[in-house]
Amino acid sequence: METNLFSFDLPPELIAQEPAADREASRLLVLERATGRTQDLHVHEIPRLVTPGTVVVLNDTRVRKARLFGQAESGRSVEVLLLTRRDVARWEALVGRGGRLRSGARLSFPEGITGIIDSLEEDTRLVRFDPPVDDSWLERNGHVPLPPYVKRPDTPRDEERYQTVYSKTIGSAAAPTAGLHFTQRLLRELDAAGAQVCRVTLHVGLGTFLPIRSARIEEHRMHEEEYSVPRETKLMVDTAVLERRPVLAVGTTVVRTLETAWTDNGLVAGEGRTGIYITPGFRFRVVRQLFTNLHTPESSLLVLVSAFAGRELILKTYAEAIQKRYRFFSYGDAMLIR
């Protein structure tokens, strides 16, 4: 399929630059796949939309302060986004102006840290830090890795709001943004409504946010990301699928984790890596409902939700969201597709 089939025009003022004043006060566009009917609600109303016995799956990854600013030997500032730690000293990273930095180029960082470009790869670089850096150094010297369409510097408020309230395991270079809408109160309300809430972990990296650059979606290559499935989650999901109860994924990262880990014998607990690329025609074996944000044009995220609900229906619903002035992308409003 042509990538431009997943494009749409979005007024720039609808790209959310700040989070909502209250997480669960964001608007919620509910889409019924079978009928195409929509409702305009708010996130705090989710508990009344969830039937008892629904298994709600969250991604509990935690975002590290992965955005760094170093100084090249020429004196210019270079932005580095850390993705994955390869070993004690080396990180896979996106490096601004990386094509101009030769292998062996050196960058200076705070506290006397030197970053050395070890090798050049297709989309990323390997950066070796001397001495090695850890998450405590990043907490002191790194920045919240806001996406590039947020046209402002990060602030102390982002340190809280660009994390889910249930984040636990540090390892992501971007937030699983659907979960940003949830509060502890809302999770208690879901429990009171008879939902079963459980968690997986997928550390968000290039596989989630790298844009599609090819003319056809089939030519796009997904980068692998690390995930884990707890034993408790396996048991909850397996039982729900067997009993034909809904599994509601909070975010596309949860969809990709569950659909990767599913086998004919149920969900496989434990750790793994996924490069799954969900496109129209994919057969969903686990997820029956999806809570998600409004995504960027020509992205693998928009392709995934189009596979889940149908491309034409999703684009029609996005046009409605634009007409109704919904806020888009990471700090924007949300959809519930069921």
Protein backbone atom coordinates (compact mmCIF):
# COMPACT_ATOMS: atom_id res chain seq x y z
CA MET A 1 0.00 0.00 0.00
CA GLU A 2 1.15 3.54 -0.75
CA THR A 3 2.30 5.39 2.37
CA ASN A 4 0.43 8.52 1.32
CA LEU A 5 -2.83 6.62 1.80
CA PHE A 6 -2.21 7.17 5.53
CA SER A 7 -1.80 10.93 5.27
CA PHE A 8 -4.10 13.72 6.45
CA ASP A 9 -3.90 17.48 6.85
CA LEU A 10 -3.67 18.68 10.42
CA PRO A 11 -3.84 22.35 11.42
CA PRO A 12 -0.63 23.09 13.38
CA GLU A 13 -2.57 24.60 16.27
CA LEU A 14 -4.11 21.17 17.01
CA ILE A 15 -0.70 19.67 17.84
CA ALA A 16 -0.73 19.71 21.64
CA GLN A 17 2.24 21.61 23.09
CA GLU A 18 1.25 21.17 26.73
CA PRO A 19 -0.50 18.37 28.63
CA ALA A 20 -4.07 18.85 29.81
CA ALA A 21 -4.45 20.49 33.21
CA ASP A 22 -5.74 17.18 34.57
CA ARG A 23 -4.72 13.85 33.02
CA GLU A 24 -8.19 12.29 32.96
CA ALA A 25 -9.89 15.50 31.82
CA SER A 26 -8.65 14.99 28.25
CA ARG A 27 -11.32 14.51 25.62
CA LEU A 28 -12.12 10.97 24.51
CA LEU A 29 -13.41 10.08 21.05
CA VAL A 30 -15.12 6.68 21.23
CA LEU A 31 -15.30 4.73 17.96
CA GLU A 32 -17.47 1.66 17.48
CA ARG A 33 -15.80 -0.43 14.77
CA ALA A 34 -18.92 -2.39 13.82
CA THR A 35 -21.12 0.64 13.15
CA GLY A 36 -18.72 3.53 12.67
CA ARG A 37 -20.65 5.44 15.35
CA THR A 38 -18.70 7.90 17.50
CA GLN A 39 -19.24 9.57 20.87
CA ASP A 40 -17.55 12.65 22.36
CA LEU A 41 -16.71 11.95 25.98
CA HIS A 42 -13.85 12.48 28.44
CA VAL A 43 -11.21 10.07 29.71
CA HIS A 44 -12.64 10.00 33.23
CA GLU A 45 -15.76 8.29 31.79
CA ILE A 46 -13.89 5.15 30.73
CA PRO A 47 -14.99 3.02 33.72
CA ARG A 48 -18.63 3.15 32.60
CA LEU A 49 -17.62 2.08 29.09
CA VAL A 50 -15.76 -1.04 30.24
CA THR A 51 -17.78 -4.22 30.77
CA PRO A 52 -17.06 -6.29 33.90
CA GLY A 53 -14.40 -8.90 33.22
CA THR A 54 -12.53 -6.78 30.68
CA VAL A 55 -8.77 -7.19 31.02
CA VAL A 56 -7.06 -3.78 30.78
CA VAL A 57 -3.35 -4.05 29.95
CA LEU A 58 -0.93 -1.20 30.70
CA ASN A 59 2.71 -0.62 29.69
CA ASP A 60 4.68 0.21 32.86
CA THR A 61 7.92 1.30 31.19
CA ARG A 62 9.52 4.44 32.59
CA VAL A 63 11.11 7.15 30.44
CA ARG A 64 14.72 8.03 31.16
CA LYS A 65 16.13 11.53 30.66
CA ALA A 66 17.56 10.36 27.38
CA ARG A 67 18.06 13.69 25.60
CA LEU A 68 21.59 15.09 25.91
CA PHE A 69 23.36 18.15 24.56
CA GLY A 70 27.06 17.72 23.89
CA GLN A 71 29.70 19.91 22.35
CA ALA A 72 31.63 18.79 19.28
CA GLU A 73 35.33 19.54 18.85
CA SER A 74 34.31 22.33 16.45
CA GLY A 75 32.43 24.00 19.30
CA ARG A 76 28.93 23.44 17.96
CA SER A 77 26.17 21.91 20.07
CA VAL A 78 25.07 18.37 19.14
CA GLU A 79 21.87 16.74 20.38
CA VAL A 80 22.01 13.05 21.32
CA LEU A 81 18.96 10.86 22.05
CA LEU A 82 19.94 7.67 23.87
CA LEU A 83 17.91 4.63 22.83
CA THR A 84 19.36 1.41 24.25
CA ARG A 85 22.37 0.57 26.40
CA ARG A 86 24.48 -1.96 24.44
CA ASP A 87 27.05 -2.62 27.17
CA VAL A 88 28.52 -0.84 30.18
CA ALA A 89 29.87 2.07 28.13
CA ARG A 90 28.13 2.05 24.73
CA TRP A 91 24.65 3.26 23.83
CA GLU A 92 22.67 3.08 20.62
CA ALA A 93 21.58 6.65 19.91
CA LEU A 94 20.25 9.17 17.45
CA VAL A 95 22.83 11.90 16.95
CA GLY A 96 21.91 15.27 15.49
CA ARG A 97 23.91 16.06 12.38
CA GLY A 98 25.26 12.53 12.80
CA GLY A 99 26.11 12.23 9.14
CA ARG A 100 28.77 14.93 9.61
CA LEU A 101 30.39 13.20 12.57
CA ARG A 102 33.02 10.67 11.55
CA SER A 103 33.70 7.48 13.48
CA GLY A 104 35.97 8.47 16.35
CA ALA A 105 34.53 11.99 16.67
CA ARG A 106 34.42 13.18 20.28
CA LEU A 107 31.68 15.06 22.12
CA SER A 108 32.01 16.77 25.50
CA PHE A 109 29.25 16.42 28.13
CA PRO A 110 28.82 17.74 31.69
CA GLU A 111 30.90 16.43 34.60
CA GLY A 112 33.88 15.69 32.37
CA ILE A 113 32.17 12.98 30.32
CA THR A 114 33.37 12.32 26.76
CA GLY A 115 31.21 10.65 24.12
CA ILE A 116 33.00 8.94 21.25
CA ILE A 117 31.19 7.97 18.03
CA ASP A 118 32.18 4.32 17.68
CA SER A 119 30.37 3.42 14.48
CA LEU A 120 27.79 4.63 12.00
CA GLU A 121 24.70 2.50 11.34
CA GLU A 122 21.65 2.86 9.09
CA ASP A 123 19.47 4.99 11.39
CA THR A 124 21.48 5.19 14.60
CA ARG A 125 24.97 5.64 16.01
CA LEU A 126 26.87 3.83 18.70
CA VAL A 127 28.19 6.31 21.26
CA ARG A 128 30.83 5.19 23.78
CA PHE A 129 30.97 7.23 26.99
CA ASP A 130 34.23 7.68 28.90
CA PRO A 131 33.76 7.20 31.77
CA PRO A 132 30.46 5.26 31.40
CA VAL A 133 27.22 7.03 32.33
CA ASP A 134 24.29 5.61 34.27
CA ASP A 135 20.71 6.64 34.98
CA SER A 136 21.73 8.74 37.99
CA TRP A 137 24.05 10.80 35.75
CA LEU A 138 21.25 11.10 33.17
CA GLU A 139 18.85 12.25 35.88
CA ARG A 140 21.26 15.09 36.73
CA ASN A 141 22.30 16.05 33.21
CA GLY A 142 19.74 14.72 30.76
CA HIS A 143 16.52 16.25 29.49
CA VAL A 144 13.00 14.84 29.12
CA PRO A 145 12.91 13.48 25.52
CA LEU A 146 9.88 15.40 24.28
CA PRO A 147 9.05 14.62 20.63
CA PRO A 148 10.22 17.09 17.97
CA TYR A 149 6.71 18.39 17.26
CA VAL A 150 6.59 19.84 20.80
CA LYS A 151 8.20 23.15 19.94
CA ARG A 152 9.52 24.17 23.34
CA PRO A 153 12.23 23.15 25.79
CA ASP A 154 11.36 20.61 28.46
CA THR A 155 10.43 21.94 31.90
CA PRO A 156 10.31 20.44 35.42
CA ARG A 157 6.59 19.82 34.87
CA ASP A 158 7.41 17.45 32.02
CA GLU A 159 9.42 15.27 34.42
CA GLU A 160 6.09 14.26 35.96
CA ARG A 161 3.66 14.62 33.06
CA TYR A 162 5.73 12.76 30.45
CA GLN A 163 5.58 9.67 32.68
CA THR A 164 2.59 7.44 33.36
CA VAL A 165 1.50 7.36 36.99
CA TYR A 166 2.18 3.61 37.02
CA SER A 167 5.62 3.72 35.36
CA LYS A 168 8.02 1.32 36.99
CA THR A 169 10.87 -0.07 34.88
CA ILE A 170 13.17 2.56 33.39
CA GLY A 171 14.27 2.04 29.80
CA SER A 172 12.28 4.15 27.31
CA ALA A 173 13.35 7.00 25.05
CA ALA A 174 9.72 8.15 24.68
CA ALA A 175 6.56 7.77 26.71
CA PRO A 176 3.82 5.21 25.97
CA THR A 177 1.56 8.21 25.55
CA ALA A 178 -1.87 6.57 25.76
CA GLY A 179 -1.12 5.85 29.40
CA LEU A 180 -0.43 9.51 30.19
CA HIS A 181 -4.21 10.01 30.56
CA PHE A 182 -4.59 7.60 33.49
CA THR A 183 -4.61 8.52 37.17
CA GLN A 184 -4.54 6.33 40.26
CA ARG A 185 -8.15 7.35 40.88
CA LEU A 186 -9.13 6.19 37.41
CA LEU A 187 -7.39 2.85 37.94
CA ARG A 188 -9.34 2.39 41.18
CA GLU A 189 -12.57 3.21 39.33
CA LEU A 190 -11.76 0.60 36.67
CA ASP A 191 -11.22 -1.97 39.40
CA ALA A 192 -14.52 -1.03 41.03
CA ALA A 193 -16.25 -1.40 37.65
CA GLY A 194 -15.09 -5.02 37.44
CA ALA A 195 -12.11 -4.59 35.10
CA GLN A 196 -8.96 -6.64 35.67
CA VAL A 197 -5.90 -4.42 35.33
CA CYS A 198 -2.49 -5.93 34.56
CA ARG A 199 0.80 -4.84 33.04
CA VAL A 200 3.46 -5.57 30.47
CA THR A 201 6.69 -3.70 29.80
CA LEU A 202 7.84 -2.53 26.38
CA HIS A 203 10.72 -0.06 26.30
CA VAL A 204 9.82 2.52 23.69
CA GLY A 205 12.44 3.21 21.02
CA LEU A 206 12.77 3.54 17.26
CA GLY A 207 10.33 0.70 16.60
CA THR A 208 7.57 2.90 17.98
CA PHE A 209 8.45 6.40 16.82
CA LEU A 210 10.60 6.17 13.67
CA PRO A 211 8.53 7.64 10.81
CA ILE A 212 7.80 5.71 7.62
CA ARG A 213 10.15 7.12 4.98
CA SER A 214 9.43 4.65 2.17
CA ALA A 215 6.89 5.18 -0.61
CA ARG A 216 5.11 1.95 0.33
CA ILE A 217 4.36 0.83 3.88
CA GLU A 218 5.62 -2.69 3.13
CA GLU A 219 9.15 -1.31 2.61
CA HIS A 220 9.34 0.15 6.13
CA ARG A 221 11.64 -1.68 8.56
CA MET A 222 10.66 -1.89 12.21
CA HIS A 223 13.45 -1.71 14.79
CA GLU A 224 13.29 -4.22 17.61
CA GLU A 225 12.30 -3.22 21.14
CA GLU A 226 12.61 -5.13 24.40
CA TYR A 227 9.50 -6.32 26.23
CA SER A 228 8.49 -8.52 29.13
CA VAL A 229 5.25 -10.23 30.14
CA PRO A 230 4.67 -11.10 33.83
CA ARG A 231 3.20 -14.49 34.74
CA GLU A 232 0.15 -12.81 36.29
CA THR A 233 -0.58 -10.99 33.03
CA LYS A 234 -0.28 -14.22 31.05
CA LEU A 235 -2.85 -15.92 33.26
CA MET A 236 -5.31 -12.99 33.08
CA VAL A 237 -5.04 -12.62 29.30
CA ASP A 238 -5.15 -16.36 28.58
CA THR A 239 -8.32 -16.75 30.65
CA ALA A 240 -9.98 -13.72 29.05
CA VAL A 241 -9.28 -14.96 25.53
CA LEU A 242 -10.52 -18.47 26.42
CA GLU A 243 -13.71 -17.04 27.92
CA ARG A 244 -14.16 -14.51 25.08
CA ARG A 245 -13.93 -11.54 27.41
CA PRO A 246 -12.47 -8.29 25.98
CA VAL A 247 -8.76 -7.50 26.24
CA LEU A 248 -8.31 -3.71 26.16
CA ALA A 249 -4.79 -2.55 25.26
CA VAL A 250 -3.78 0.85 26.60
CA GLY A 251 -1.55 1.99 23.75
CA THR A 252 -0.03 0.57 20.60
CA THR A 253 3.01 -0.69 22.51
CA VAL A 254 0.72 -3.00 24.49
CA VAL A 255 -0.88 -4.22 21.26
CA ARG A 256 2.51 -5.06 19.79
CA THR A 257 3.65 -6.82 22.97
CA LEU A 258 0.54 -8.98 23.32
CA GLU A 259 0.30 -9.90 19.64
CA THR A 260 4.02 -10.79 19.59
CA ALA A 261 3.90 -12.92 22.72
CA TRP A 262 0.73 -14.84 21.74
CA THR A 263 1.04 -18.45 20.58
CA ASP A 264 -1.38 -21.32 20.04
CA ASN A 265 -0.74 -22.17 23.70
CA GLY A 266 -1.55 -18.69 24.96
CA LEU A 267 0.60 -15.77 26.00
CA VAL A 268 4.26 -16.54 26.67
CA ALA A 269 5.49 -15.02 29.93
CA GLY A 270 9.04 -13.71 30.17
CA GLU A 271 11.32 -11.38 28.25
CA GLY A 272 11.70 -10.97 24.51
CA ARG A 273 12.29 -8.59 21.63
CA THR A 274 9.75 -7.54 19.05
CA GLY A 275 9.96 -5.99 15.63
CA ILE A 276 6.34 -6.79 14.80
CA TYR A 277 4.87 -4.48 12.16
CA ILE A 278 1.08 -4.47 12.17
CA THR A 279 -0.43 -3.42 8.85
CA PRO A 280 -3.89 -3.79 7.26
CA GLY A 281 -4.77 -7.47 6.87
CA PHE A 282 -3.16 -8.43 10.21
CA ARG A 283 -5.23 -10.92 12.24
CA PHE A 284 -5.51 -9.73 15.83
CA ARG A 285 -5.57 -12.74 18.12
CA VAL A 286 -5.60 -11.06 21.53
CA VAL A 287 -6.61 -7.40 21.52
CA ARG A 288 -10.30 -6.57 21.08
CA GLN A 289 -10.34 -2.94 22.26
CA LEU A 290 -7.73 -0.19 22.00
CA PHE A 291 -7.26 3.01 23.98
CA THR A 292 -4.83 5.23 22.08
CA ASN A 293 -3.85 8.78 21.19
CA LEU A 294 -4.39 10.54 17.86
CA HIS A 295 -1.29 9.75 15.81
CA THR A 296 0.96 11.44 13.28
CA PRO A 297 0.33 11.08 9.53
CA GLU A 298 2.21 8.35 7.65
CA SER A 299 3.42 6.68 10.87
CA SER A 300 3.52 3.00 11.81
CA LEU A 301 1.19 3.92 14.71
CA LEU A 302 -1.48 5.23 12.33
CA VAL A 303 -0.99 2.13 10.16
CA LEU A 304 -1.54 -0.06 13.24
CA VAL A 305 -4.79 1.61 14.28
CA SER A 306 -5.91 1.45 10.63
CA ALA A 307 -5.26 -2.28 10.68
CA PHE A 308 -7.36 -2.51 13.85
CA ALA A 309 -10.36 -0.45 12.72
CA GLY A 310 -10.00 -0.02 8.95
CA ARG A 311 -8.08 2.71 7.14
CA GLU A 312 -11.11 4.52 5.71
CA LEU A 313 -12.95 4.51 9.04
CA ILE A 314 -9.90 5.79 10.92
CA LEU A 315 -9.27 8.61 8.44
CA LYS A 316 -12.97 9.54 8.53
CA THR A 317 -12.84 9.60 12.34
CA TYR A 318 -9.63 11.66 12.32
CA ALA A 319 -11.34 14.17 10.02
CA GLU A 320 -14.17 14.38 12.55
CA ALA A 321 -11.66 14.86 15.36
CA ILE A 322 -10.04 17.72 13.43
CA GLN A 323 -13.42 19.33 12.76
CA LYS A 324 -14.23 19.08 16.50
CA ARG A 325 -10.84 20.52 17.47
CA TYR A 326 -9.43 17.53 19.29
CA ARG A 327 -5.79 17.88 20.36
CA PHE A 328 -3.35 15.53 18.59
CA PHE A 329 -0.19 13.54 19.35
CA SER A 330 1.67 12.84 22.61
CA TYR A 331 0.12 15.47 24.89
CA GLY A 332 -3.20 15.45 23.05
CA ASP A 333 -6.60 13.82 23.49
CA ALA A 334 -7.45 10.12 23.20
CA MET A 335 -9.55 7.54 21.35
CA LEU A 336 -11.22 4.37 22.53
CA ILE A 337 -11.71 1.96 19.64
CA ARG A 338 -13.94 -1.00 20.34
